[in-house]
Amino acid sequence: MAELNLGPPPTRNPLSAILSAASILIVAAAATFLLNPRKTADLAVTSVKVYDARVVTKGTANTSSGNGTTIVGSTGSVDQDLYVLVRLKLTDDLRLPLFIKDETLVLTAPDGSILTANPLPPDQAASTLQSFPALAALASGPLPRDAQVAPGASAEGMVLFHFNGLTEANWTARKVATLTVDLFHQGPQTVAVP
């Protein structure tokens, strides 16, 4: 017959359980750190083209017969616009798709002033390209807004920015220009514009 033992069971040292749990956590943290990418995406500007648009409006309007009609109270005007066509390439480095939300071009002038431009909406970009055939000759396939970039894939296209009142000389004399691509569900990606 077995002996009746009513006392507590023999105690085990908890140090071995603590060390095995800690080693499992360290291995899981190291694997997570080494296997997950640290960079969301690669953003590169592949080309930059600048179009200096100067529109002079006189104080007369042409009629269908070709005669100039004077517009009362109008002395005419000069509109100076700078269009910057940036071709960019966004490569997804994550295992998740990226969704492009918006782009912003920031120009720092020599005097330190900062000018910001957002891309023209598709309908306005189409009418602008139709109005300026020389600008349309510089354009290429657009990068669609709200585009999805599959994991490991790339999206490439042109983005048209408009700076009112600037000239090509202002663009050339700039201190720096940066392009920021805002993404849904991820942080913004920024790159210098050459």
N, C-alpha and C. Protein backbone atom coordinates (compact mmCIF):
# COMPACT_ATOMS: atom_id res chain seq x y z
N MET A 1 0.81 -1.15 0.00
CA MET A 1 0.00 0.00 0.00
C MET A 1 0.87 1.24 0.00
N ALA A 2 0.44 2.27 -0.80
CA ALA A 2 1.23 3.49 -0.94
C ALA A 2 1.05 4.37 0.27
N GLU A 3 2.04 5.10 0.50
CA GLU A 3 2.04 5.98 1.65
C GLU A 3 1.26 7.25 1.34
N LEU A 4 0.46 7.70 2.24
CA LEU A 4 -0.34 8.91 2.07
C LEU A 4 0.52 10.13 2.36
N ASN A 5 0.60 11.05 1.35
CA ASN A 5 1.41 12.25 1.51
C ASN A 5 0.48 13.45 1.39
N LEU A 6 0.22 14.14 2.45
CA LEU A 6 -0.67 15.29 2.45
C LEU A 6 0.06 16.62 2.39
N GLY A 7 1.34 16.63 2.25
CA GLY A 7 2.12 17.88 2.20
C GLY A 7 2.16 18.46 0.79
N PRO A 8 2.69 19.66 0.66
CA PRO A 8 2.79 20.29 -0.66
C PRO A 8 3.75 19.53 -1.57
N PRO A 9 3.55 19.63 -2.89
CA PRO A 9 4.46 18.95 -3.80
C PRO A 9 5.85 19.60 -3.72
N PRO A 10 6.83 18.89 -4.14
CA PRO A 10 8.18 19.49 -4.08
C PRO A 10 8.24 20.72 -4.98
N THR A 11 8.89 21.79 -4.53
CA THR A 11 8.97 23.05 -5.30
C THR A 11 10.02 22.92 -6.39
N ARG A 12 9.67 23.55 -7.54
CA ARG A 12 10.62 23.61 -8.66
C ARG A 12 11.15 25.02 -8.74
N ASN A 13 12.29 25.16 -9.29
CA ASN A 13 12.91 26.47 -9.42
C ASN A 13 12.25 27.20 -10.61
N PRO A 14 11.61 28.41 -10.41
CA PRO A 14 10.95 29.13 -11.51
C PRO A 14 11.92 29.79 -12.49
N LEU A 15 13.19 29.79 -12.17
CA LEU A 15 14.17 30.45 -13.03
C LEU A 15 14.22 29.82 -14.43
N SER A 16 14.11 28.51 -14.52
CA SER A 16 14.16 27.86 -15.84
C SER A 16 12.96 28.26 -16.70
N ALA A 17 11.77 28.38 -16.11
CA ALA A 17 10.59 28.81 -16.88
C ALA A 17 10.73 30.26 -17.33
N ILE A 18 11.25 31.11 -16.48
CA ILE A 18 11.44 32.53 -16.84
C ILE A 18 12.46 32.66 -17.96
N LEU A 19 13.56 31.92 -17.88
CA LEU A 19 14.59 32.00 -18.93
C LEU A 19 14.08 31.47 -20.26
N SER A 20 13.31 30.38 -20.25
CA SER A 20 12.78 29.89 -21.52
C SER A 20 11.77 30.84 -22.12
N ALA A 21 10.92 31.48 -21.33
CA ALA A 21 9.97 32.46 -21.86
C ALA A 21 10.70 33.67 -22.42
N ALA A 22 11.73 34.14 -21.73
CA ALA A 22 12.50 35.30 -22.20
C ALA A 22 13.22 34.97 -23.51
N SER A 23 13.77 33.76 -23.62
CA SER A 23 14.47 33.41 -24.86
C SER A 23 13.50 33.31 -26.03
N ILE A 24 12.30 32.81 -25.81
CA ILE A 24 11.29 32.75 -26.87
C ILE A 24 10.90 34.16 -27.31
N LEU A 25 10.71 35.09 -26.38
CA LEU A 25 10.38 36.48 -26.72
C LEU A 25 11.51 37.16 -27.49
N ILE A 26 12.75 36.91 -27.10
CA ILE A 26 13.90 37.51 -27.79
C ILE A 26 13.99 36.99 -29.22
N VAL A 27 13.79 35.70 -29.42
CA VAL A 27 13.84 35.13 -30.78
C VAL A 27 12.70 35.70 -31.63
N ALA A 28 11.49 35.84 -31.08
CA ALA A 28 10.37 36.40 -31.83
C ALA A 28 10.62 37.87 -32.18
N ALA A 29 11.16 38.65 -31.26
CA ALA A 29 11.46 40.06 -31.53
C ALA A 29 12.54 40.20 -32.59
N ALA A 30 13.57 39.38 -32.52
CA ALA A 30 14.65 39.44 -33.52
C ALA A 30 14.14 39.06 -34.90
N ALA A 31 13.30 38.02 -34.97
CA ALA A 31 12.74 37.62 -36.27
C ALA A 31 11.86 38.71 -36.84
N THR A 32 11.05 39.33 -36.01
CA THR A 32 10.19 40.43 -36.47
C THR A 32 11.03 41.59 -36.98
N PHE A 33 12.08 41.93 -36.26
CA PHE A 33 12.93 43.06 -36.66
C PHE A 33 13.69 42.76 -37.96
N LEU A 34 14.20 41.56 -38.09
CA LEU A 34 15.01 41.23 -39.27
C LEU A 34 14.19 40.94 -40.52
N LEU A 35 12.99 40.43 -40.36
CA LEU A 35 12.20 40.03 -41.52
C LEU A 35 11.28 41.13 -42.05
N ASN A 36 10.94 42.13 -41.26
CA ASN A 36 10.06 43.20 -41.72
C ASN A 36 10.88 44.33 -42.33
N PRO A 37 10.42 44.87 -43.45
CA PRO A 37 11.14 45.99 -44.06
C PRO A 37 11.04 47.24 -43.20
N ARG A 38 12.10 48.03 -43.20
CA ARG A 38 12.12 49.26 -42.43
C ARG A 38 11.70 50.47 -43.25
N LYS A 39 11.58 50.26 -44.53
CA LYS A 39 11.27 51.35 -45.44
C LYS A 39 9.95 51.05 -46.13
N THR A 40 9.07 52.06 -46.17
CA THR A 40 7.76 51.86 -46.78
C THR A 40 7.87 51.73 -48.30
N ALA A 41 8.57 52.68 -48.91
CA ALA A 41 8.63 52.72 -50.37
C ALA A 41 9.88 53.45 -50.83
N ASP A 42 10.25 53.19 -52.08
CA ASP A 42 11.30 53.96 -52.74
C ASP A 42 10.61 54.97 -53.64
N LEU A 43 10.93 56.23 -53.45
CA LEU A 43 10.36 57.31 -54.26
C LEU A 43 11.50 57.97 -55.01
N ALA A 44 11.37 58.05 -56.32
CA ALA A 44 12.41 58.64 -57.15
C ALA A 44 11.79 59.57 -58.18
N VAL A 45 12.43 60.70 -58.40
CA VAL A 45 12.04 61.63 -59.46
C VAL A 45 12.88 61.27 -60.68
N THR A 46 12.23 60.82 -61.75
CA THR A 46 12.96 60.40 -62.94
C THR A 46 13.21 61.53 -63.93
N SER A 47 12.34 62.55 -63.94
CA SER A 47 12.58 63.71 -64.80
C SER A 47 11.76 64.90 -64.31
N VAL A 48 12.27 66.09 -64.62
CA VAL A 48 11.59 67.34 -64.28
C VAL A 48 11.65 68.23 -65.52
N LYS A 49 10.47 68.70 -65.92
CA LYS A 49 10.40 69.63 -67.05
C LYS A 49 9.63 70.86 -66.59
N VAL A 50 10.07 72.01 -67.06
CA VAL A 50 9.49 73.28 -66.64
C VAL A 50 8.97 74.01 -67.87
N TYR A 51 7.77 74.58 -67.75
CA TYR A 51 7.18 75.37 -68.83
C TYR A 51 6.78 76.73 -68.27
N ASP A 52 7.35 77.77 -68.86
CA ASP A 52 7.09 79.14 -68.44
C ASP A 52 5.99 79.71 -69.34
N ALA A 53 4.81 79.94 -68.80
CA ALA A 53 3.67 80.43 -69.59
C ALA A 53 3.44 81.90 -69.28
N ARG A 54 3.44 82.69 -70.33
CA ARG A 54 3.17 84.12 -70.19
C ARG A 54 2.01 84.45 -71.12
N VAL A 55 0.91 84.89 -70.55
CA VAL A 55 -0.29 85.20 -71.33
C VAL A 55 -0.55 86.69 -71.22
N VAL A 56 -0.56 87.36 -72.37
CA VAL A 56 -0.81 88.81 -72.42
C VAL A 56 -2.21 89.03 -72.96
N THR A 57 -3.03 89.72 -72.18
CA THR A 57 -4.38 90.05 -72.59
C THR A 57 -4.43 91.55 -72.86
N LYS A 58 -4.85 91.90 -74.06
CA LYS A 58 -4.94 93.31 -74.42
C LYS A 58 -6.31 93.84 -74.03
N GLY A 59 -6.48 95.11 -74.13
CA GLY A 59 -7.75 95.74 -73.79
C GLY A 59 -8.76 95.70 -74.90
N THR A 60 -8.54 94.81 -75.90
CA THR A 60 -9.49 94.66 -76.99
C THR A 60 -9.87 93.21 -77.14
N ALA A 61 -10.99 92.96 -77.73
CA ALA A 61 -11.44 91.60 -78.01
C ALA A 61 -11.70 91.48 -79.49
N ASN A 62 -11.28 90.38 -80.08
CA ASN A 62 -11.53 90.16 -81.50
C ASN A 62 -12.95 89.65 -81.70
N THR A 63 -13.59 90.18 -82.72
CA THR A 63 -14.94 89.72 -83.06
C THR A 63 -14.83 88.72 -84.19
N SER A 64 -15.94 88.14 -84.57
CA SER A 64 -15.94 87.14 -85.64
C SER A 64 -15.53 87.75 -86.98
N SER A 65 -15.71 89.05 -87.14
CA SER A 65 -15.32 89.69 -88.41
C SER A 65 -13.85 90.06 -88.42
N GLY A 66 -13.15 89.83 -87.30
CA GLY A 66 -11.73 90.13 -87.26
C GLY A 66 -11.41 91.52 -86.77
N ASN A 67 -12.41 92.35 -86.54
CA ASN A 67 -12.17 93.70 -86.05
C ASN A 67 -11.99 93.67 -84.53
N GLY A 68 -11.08 94.48 -84.03
CA GLY A 68 -10.87 94.57 -82.60
C GLY A 68 -11.90 95.48 -81.96
N THR A 69 -12.52 95.03 -80.92
CA THR A 69 -13.49 95.83 -80.19
C THR A 69 -12.86 96.23 -78.86
N THR A 70 -12.91 97.50 -78.54
CA THR A 70 -12.33 97.96 -77.29
C THR A 70 -13.24 97.59 -76.13
N ILE A 71 -12.63 97.02 -75.10
CA ILE A 71 -13.37 96.67 -73.90
C ILE A 71 -13.23 97.86 -72.95
N VAL A 72 -14.36 98.47 -72.62
CA VAL A 72 -14.35 99.68 -71.80
C VAL A 72 -13.82 99.35 -70.41
N GLY A 73 -12.87 100.15 -69.94
CA GLY A 73 -12.32 100.00 -68.60
C GLY A 73 -11.22 98.96 -68.50
N SER A 74 -10.87 98.31 -69.60
CA SER A 74 -9.84 97.27 -69.55
C SER A 74 -8.55 97.81 -70.14
N THR A 75 -7.48 97.66 -69.42
CA THR A 75 -6.17 98.08 -69.92
C THR A 75 -5.32 96.88 -70.31
N GLY A 76 -5.87 95.69 -70.14
CA GLY A 76 -5.12 94.48 -70.45
C GLY A 76 -4.39 93.98 -69.20
N SER A 77 -3.84 92.79 -69.33
CA SER A 77 -3.11 92.22 -68.21
C SER A 77 -2.08 91.22 -68.71
N VAL A 78 -1.14 90.90 -67.83
CA VAL A 78 -0.12 89.91 -68.12
C VAL A 78 -0.17 88.87 -67.00
N ASP A 79 -0.37 87.63 -67.38
CA ASP A 79 -0.38 86.52 -66.42
C ASP A 79 0.89 85.71 -66.61
N GLN A 80 1.62 85.53 -65.52
CA GLN A 80 2.85 84.75 -65.54
C GLN A 80 2.62 83.48 -64.72
N ASP A 81 2.77 82.33 -65.35
CA ASP A 81 2.56 81.06 -64.67
C ASP A 81 3.73 80.13 -64.96
N LEU A 82 4.06 79.32 -63.98
CA LEU A 82 5.10 78.32 -64.14
C LEU A 82 4.48 76.95 -63.93
N TYR A 83 4.63 76.07 -64.90
CA TYR A 83 4.14 74.70 -64.80
C TYR A 83 5.34 73.78 -64.67
N VAL A 84 5.32 72.93 -63.66
CA VAL A 84 6.40 71.99 -63.41
C VAL A 84 5.84 70.58 -63.58
N LEU A 85 6.43 69.86 -64.52
CA LEU A 85 6.01 68.48 -64.79
C LEU A 85 7.05 67.55 -64.15
N VAL A 86 6.64 66.82 -63.16
CA VAL A 86 7.53 65.93 -62.43
C VAL A 86 7.11 64.49 -62.74
N ARG A 87 8.05 63.72 -63.24
CA ARG A 87 7.78 62.30 -63.47
C ARG A 87 8.40 61.55 -62.30
N LEU A 88 7.56 60.81 -61.60
CA LEU A 88 8.05 60.11 -60.41
C LEU A 88 7.72 58.63 -60.47
N LYS A 89 8.50 57.88 -59.70
CA LYS A 89 8.33 56.43 -59.63
C LYS A 89 8.28 56.04 -58.16
N LEU A 90 7.22 55.34 -57.77
CA LEU A 90 7.01 54.89 -56.40
C LEU A 90 7.02 53.37 -56.41
N THR A 91 7.97 52.77 -55.67
CA THR A 91 8.08 51.32 -55.58
C THR A 91 7.72 50.89 -54.17
N ASP A 92 6.79 49.95 -54.06
CA ASP A 92 6.31 49.46 -52.78
C ASP A 92 7.29 48.44 -52.21
N ASP A 93 7.87 48.73 -51.03
CA ASP A 93 8.80 47.82 -50.38
C ASP A 93 8.12 46.98 -49.29
N LEU A 94 6.86 47.23 -49.01
CA LEU A 94 6.15 46.50 -47.98
C LEU A 94 5.48 45.25 -48.56
N ARG A 95 4.94 44.45 -47.68
CA ARG A 95 4.14 43.30 -48.12
C ARG A 95 2.67 43.67 -48.17
N LEU A 96 2.39 44.97 -48.10
CA LEU A 96 1.02 45.48 -48.15
C LEU A 96 0.91 46.44 -49.33
N PRO A 97 -0.27 46.59 -49.92
CA PRO A 97 -0.41 47.57 -51.01
C PRO A 97 -0.36 48.99 -50.47
N LEU A 98 0.12 49.89 -51.30
CA LEU A 98 0.15 51.32 -50.97
C LEU A 98 -0.92 52.03 -51.79
N PHE A 99 -1.51 53.05 -51.20
CA PHE A 99 -2.54 53.83 -51.88
C PHE A 99 -2.10 55.29 -51.87
N ILE A 100 -1.91 55.88 -53.05
CA ILE A 100 -1.46 57.26 -53.16
C ILE A 100 -2.63 58.18 -52.86
N LYS A 101 -2.41 59.09 -51.94
CA LYS A 101 -3.45 60.03 -51.54
C LYS A 101 -3.30 61.37 -52.25
N ASP A 102 -2.10 61.97 -52.16
CA ASP A 102 -1.89 63.30 -52.73
C ASP A 102 -0.39 63.55 -52.87
N GLU A 103 -0.05 64.53 -53.70
CA GLU A 103 1.33 64.95 -53.87
C GLU A 103 1.42 66.45 -53.58
N THR A 104 2.56 66.87 -53.07
CA THR A 104 2.80 68.29 -52.79
C THR A 104 4.22 68.63 -53.19
N LEU A 105 4.37 69.73 -53.93
CA LEU A 105 5.68 70.23 -54.32
C LEU A 105 5.95 71.50 -53.54
N VAL A 106 7.06 71.52 -52.80
CA VAL A 106 7.42 72.67 -51.97
C VAL A 106 8.69 73.27 -52.54
N LEU A 107 8.63 74.56 -52.83
CA LEU A 107 9.75 75.30 -53.41
C LEU A 107 10.24 76.32 -52.39
N THR A 108 11.53 76.30 -52.09
CA THR A 108 12.13 77.30 -51.21
C THR A 108 12.92 78.27 -52.08
N ALA A 109 12.49 79.52 -52.07
CA ALA A 109 13.10 80.55 -52.90
C ALA A 109 14.43 81.01 -52.27
N PRO A 110 15.26 81.73 -53.05
CA PRO A 110 16.53 82.21 -52.50
C PRO A 110 16.37 83.11 -51.27
N ASP A 111 15.26 83.82 -51.17
CA ASP A 111 15.06 84.69 -50.01
C ASP A 111 14.50 83.94 -48.80
N GLY A 112 14.32 82.61 -48.93
CA GLY A 112 13.83 81.79 -47.84
C GLY A 112 12.32 81.61 -47.81
N SER A 113 11.60 82.29 -48.68
CA SER A 113 10.15 82.12 -48.72
C SER A 113 9.81 80.74 -49.27
N ILE A 114 8.71 80.20 -48.78
CA ILE A 114 8.30 78.85 -49.16
C ILE A 114 6.99 78.91 -49.94
N LEU A 115 6.99 78.30 -51.11
CA LEU A 115 5.80 78.22 -51.96
C LEU A 115 5.41 76.76 -52.10
N THR A 116 4.11 76.50 -52.01
CA THR A 116 3.60 75.13 -52.08
C THR A 116 2.63 75.02 -53.25
N ALA A 117 2.71 73.90 -53.96
CA ALA A 117 1.78 73.64 -55.06
C ALA A 117 1.30 72.20 -54.97
N ASN A 118 0.02 72.02 -55.21
CA ASN A 118 -0.58 70.70 -55.32
C ASN A 118 -0.82 70.41 -56.80
N PRO A 119 -0.93 69.16 -57.18
CA PRO A 119 -1.14 68.87 -58.60
C PRO A 119 -2.48 69.40 -59.10
N LEU A 120 -2.50 69.73 -60.38
CA LEU A 120 -3.77 70.15 -60.98
C LEU A 120 -4.72 68.96 -61.04
N PRO A 121 -6.00 69.19 -60.77
CA PRO A 121 -6.98 68.10 -60.92
C PRO A 121 -7.01 67.63 -62.37
N PRO A 122 -7.41 66.39 -62.62
CA PRO A 122 -7.36 65.84 -63.99
C PRO A 122 -8.09 66.68 -65.03
N ASP A 123 -9.27 67.22 -64.71
CA ASP A 123 -9.99 68.01 -65.71
C ASP A 123 -9.28 69.33 -65.98
N GLN A 124 -8.72 69.94 -64.96
CA GLN A 124 -7.99 71.20 -65.15
C GLN A 124 -6.66 70.95 -65.86
N ALA A 125 -6.02 69.83 -65.56
CA ALA A 125 -4.77 69.49 -66.25
C ALA A 125 -5.03 69.27 -67.74
N ALA A 126 -6.13 68.61 -68.07
CA ALA A 126 -6.45 68.36 -69.49
C ALA A 126 -6.70 69.67 -70.22
N SER A 127 -7.44 70.60 -69.62
CA SER A 127 -7.70 71.88 -70.30
C SER A 127 -6.44 72.74 -70.37
N THR A 128 -5.56 72.65 -69.38
CA THR A 128 -4.30 73.39 -69.41
C THR A 128 -3.41 72.86 -70.53
N LEU A 129 -3.32 71.53 -70.66
CA LEU A 129 -2.51 70.94 -71.73
C LEU A 129 -3.08 71.28 -73.10
N GLN A 130 -4.39 71.40 -73.19
CA GLN A 130 -5.01 71.78 -74.46
C GLN A 130 -4.75 73.25 -74.77
N SER A 131 -4.70 74.09 -73.76
CA SER A 131 -4.47 75.52 -73.97
C SER A 131 -3.03 75.83 -74.35
N PHE A 132 -2.09 75.03 -73.87
CA PHE A 132 -0.67 75.26 -74.14
C PHE A 132 -0.09 74.04 -74.86
N PRO A 133 -0.10 74.03 -76.20
CA PRO A 133 0.41 72.86 -76.94
C PRO A 133 1.88 72.56 -76.64
N ALA A 134 2.69 73.59 -76.37
CA ALA A 134 4.09 73.35 -76.05
C ALA A 134 4.22 72.61 -74.71
N LEU A 135 3.33 72.89 -73.78
CA LEU A 135 3.31 72.18 -72.51
C LEU A 135 2.85 70.73 -72.72
N ALA A 136 1.87 70.54 -73.59
CA ALA A 136 1.38 69.20 -73.89
C ALA A 136 2.47 68.34 -74.51
N ALA A 137 3.36 68.95 -75.28
CA ALA A 137 4.46 68.20 -75.89
C ALA A 137 5.44 67.69 -74.83
N LEU A 138 5.52 68.36 -73.68
CA LEU A 138 6.42 67.94 -72.60
C LEU A 138 5.79 66.86 -71.72
N ALA A 139 4.47 66.75 -71.75
CA ALA A 139 3.75 65.87 -70.83
C ALA A 139 3.88 64.41 -71.25
N SER A 140 3.70 63.55 -70.27
CA SER A 140 3.66 62.10 -70.50
C SER A 140 2.48 61.53 -69.71
N GLY A 141 2.39 60.24 -69.64
CA GLY A 141 1.26 59.60 -68.95
C GLY A 141 1.16 60.03 -67.50
N PRO A 142 -0.02 60.42 -67.05
CA PRO A 142 -0.16 60.92 -65.68
C PRO A 142 -0.14 59.80 -64.64
N LEU A 143 0.25 60.16 -63.44
CA LEU A 143 0.14 59.26 -62.30
C LEU A 143 -1.24 59.48 -61.70
N PRO A 144 -2.11 58.48 -61.77
CA PRO A 144 -3.48 58.72 -61.30
C PRO A 144 -3.54 58.91 -59.79
N ARG A 145 -4.45 59.79 -59.40
CA ARG A 145 -4.69 59.98 -57.96
C ARG A 145 -5.38 58.74 -57.43
N ASP A 146 -5.16 58.50 -56.17
CA ASP A 146 -5.72 57.33 -55.50
C ASP A 146 -5.28 56.02 -56.16
N ALA A 147 -4.10 56.04 -56.77
CA ALA A 147 -3.58 54.83 -57.40
C ALA A 147 -3.16 53.83 -56.33
N GLN A 148 -3.30 52.56 -56.66
CA GLN A 148 -2.87 51.50 -55.76
C GLN A 148 -1.59 50.89 -56.31
N VAL A 149 -0.60 50.71 -55.43
CA VAL A 149 0.66 50.08 -55.82
C VAL A 149 0.73 48.74 -55.10
N ALA A 150 0.78 47.67 -55.86
CA ALA A 150 0.81 46.32 -55.28
C ALA A 150 2.15 46.08 -54.59
N PRO A 151 2.20 45.18 -53.62
CA PRO A 151 3.47 44.89 -52.95
C PRO A 151 4.54 44.44 -53.92
N GLY A 152 5.70 45.08 -53.84
CA GLY A 152 6.81 44.77 -54.73
C GLY A 152 6.71 45.41 -56.10
N ALA A 153 5.61 46.04 -56.42
CA ALA A 153 5.42 46.64 -57.74
C ALA A 153 5.74 48.14 -57.69
N SER A 154 5.67 48.79 -58.85
CA SER A 154 5.95 50.22 -58.97
C SER A 154 4.82 50.91 -59.71
N ALA A 155 4.65 52.18 -59.40
CA ALA A 155 3.75 53.05 -60.15
C ALA A 155 4.58 54.23 -60.63
N GLU A 156 4.43 54.57 -61.90
CA GLU A 156 5.21 55.66 -62.46
C GLU A 156 4.30 56.53 -63.31
N GLY A 157 4.52 57.83 -63.24
CA GLY A 157 3.72 58.74 -64.04
C GLY A 157 4.10 60.18 -63.79
N MET A 158 3.47 61.07 -64.56
CA MET A 158 3.74 62.49 -64.49
C MET A 158 2.72 63.17 -63.59
N VAL A 159 3.20 64.17 -62.85
CA VAL A 159 2.34 64.99 -62.02
C VAL A 159 2.59 66.44 -62.44
N LEU A 160 1.52 67.18 -62.72
CA LEU A 160 1.61 68.56 -63.21
C LEU A 160 1.29 69.53 -62.07
N PHE A 161 2.28 70.38 -61.75
CA PHE A 161 2.12 71.38 -60.70
C PHE A 161 2.08 72.78 -61.32
N HIS A 162 1.37 73.69 -60.67
CA HIS A 162 1.22 75.06 -61.17
C HIS A 162 1.62 76.05 -60.07
N PHE A 163 2.57 76.93 -60.41
CA PHE A 163 2.96 78.03 -59.53
C PHE A 163 2.54 79.33 -60.20
N ASN A 164 1.62 80.03 -59.59
CA ASN A 164 1.12 81.28 -60.14
C ASN A 164 2.12 82.41 -59.87
N GLY A 165 2.48 83.16 -60.90
CA GLY A 165 3.34 84.32 -60.75
C GLY A 165 4.83 84.03 -60.77
N LEU A 166 5.24 82.79 -60.97
CA LEU A 166 6.67 82.46 -61.02
C LEU A 166 7.14 82.31 -62.46
N THR A 167 8.44 82.43 -62.63
CA THR A 167 9.06 82.24 -63.94
C THR A 167 10.06 81.09 -63.86
N GLU A 168 10.58 80.72 -65.01
CA GLU A 168 11.60 79.68 -65.04
C GLU A 168 12.86 80.14 -64.31
N ALA A 169 13.13 81.44 -64.35
CA ALA A 169 14.28 81.99 -63.61
C ALA A 169 14.10 81.78 -62.11
N ASN A 170 12.88 81.93 -61.60
CA ASN A 170 12.61 81.66 -60.18
C ASN A 170 12.88 80.19 -59.85
N TRP A 171 12.49 79.30 -60.73
CA TRP A 171 12.69 77.87 -60.52
C TRP A 171 14.19 77.54 -60.51
N THR A 172 14.92 78.12 -61.46
CA THR A 172 16.35 77.85 -61.57
C THR A 172 17.11 78.39 -60.36
N ALA A 173 16.69 79.52 -59.81
CA ALA A 173 17.38 80.16 -58.69
C ALA A 173 16.95 79.61 -57.32
N ARG A 174 16.10 78.63 -57.29
CA ARG A 174 15.57 78.13 -56.00
C ARG A 174 16.68 77.56 -55.14
N LYS A 175 16.43 77.58 -53.82
CA LYS A 175 17.35 76.93 -52.90
C LYS A 175 17.17 75.42 -52.96
N VAL A 176 15.91 75.03 -52.82
CA VAL A 176 15.62 73.59 -52.82
C VAL A 176 14.15 73.40 -53.20
N ALA A 177 13.87 72.24 -53.75
CA ALA A 177 12.48 71.84 -54.03
C ALA A 177 12.33 70.39 -53.58
N THR A 178 11.23 70.12 -52.87
CA THR A 178 10.98 68.77 -52.40
C THR A 178 9.58 68.33 -52.81
N LEU A 179 9.45 67.06 -53.10
CA LEU A 179 8.17 66.47 -53.47
C LEU A 179 7.78 65.49 -52.38
N THR A 180 6.56 65.65 -51.87
CA THR A 180 6.04 64.75 -50.84
C THR A 180 4.83 64.01 -51.39
N VAL A 181 4.85 62.70 -51.27
CA VAL A 181 3.71 61.87 -51.67
C VAL A 181 3.06 61.36 -50.39
N ASP A 182 1.81 61.77 -50.18
CA ASP A 182 1.05 61.30 -49.02
C ASP A 182 0.36 59.99 -49.38
N LEU A 183 0.43 59.05 -48.47
CA LEU A 183 -0.17 57.73 -48.68
C LEU A 183 -1.27 57.49 -47.66
N PHE A 184 -2.32 56.80 -48.08
CA PHE A 184 -3.31 56.33 -47.12
C PHE A 184 -2.67 55.22 -46.28
N HIS A 185 -2.89 55.20 -44.99
CA HIS A 185 -2.47 54.15 -44.07
C HIS A 185 -0.97 54.06 -43.85
N GLN A 186 -0.17 54.93 -44.43
CA GLN A 186 1.28 54.92 -44.25
C GLN A 186 1.74 56.36 -44.12
N GLY A 187 2.98 56.54 -43.70
CA GLY A 187 3.52 57.88 -43.58
C GLY A 187 3.88 58.47 -44.93
N PRO A 188 4.03 59.80 -45.00
CA PRO A 188 4.38 60.44 -46.27
C PRO A 188 5.81 60.10 -46.69
N GLN A 189 6.04 60.12 -47.99
CA GLN A 189 7.36 59.85 -48.57
C GLN A 189 7.83 61.14 -49.23
N THR A 190 9.06 61.57 -48.95
CA THR A 190 9.58 62.84 -49.46
C THR A 190 10.88 62.59 -50.20
N VAL A 191 11.05 63.33 -51.30
CA VAL A 191 12.27 63.22 -52.10
C VAL A 191 12.62 64.62 -52.62
N ALA A 192 13.91 64.89 -52.77
CA ALA A 192 14.37 66.17 -53.32
C ALA A 192 14.16 66.16 -54.84
N VAL A 193 13.76 67.29 -55.37
CA VAL A 193 13.55 67.44 -56.81
C VAL A 193 14.81 68.08 -57.40
N PRO A 194 15.43 67.41 -58.36
CA PRO A 194 16.68 67.98 -58.93
C PRO A 194 16.41 69.21 -59.78
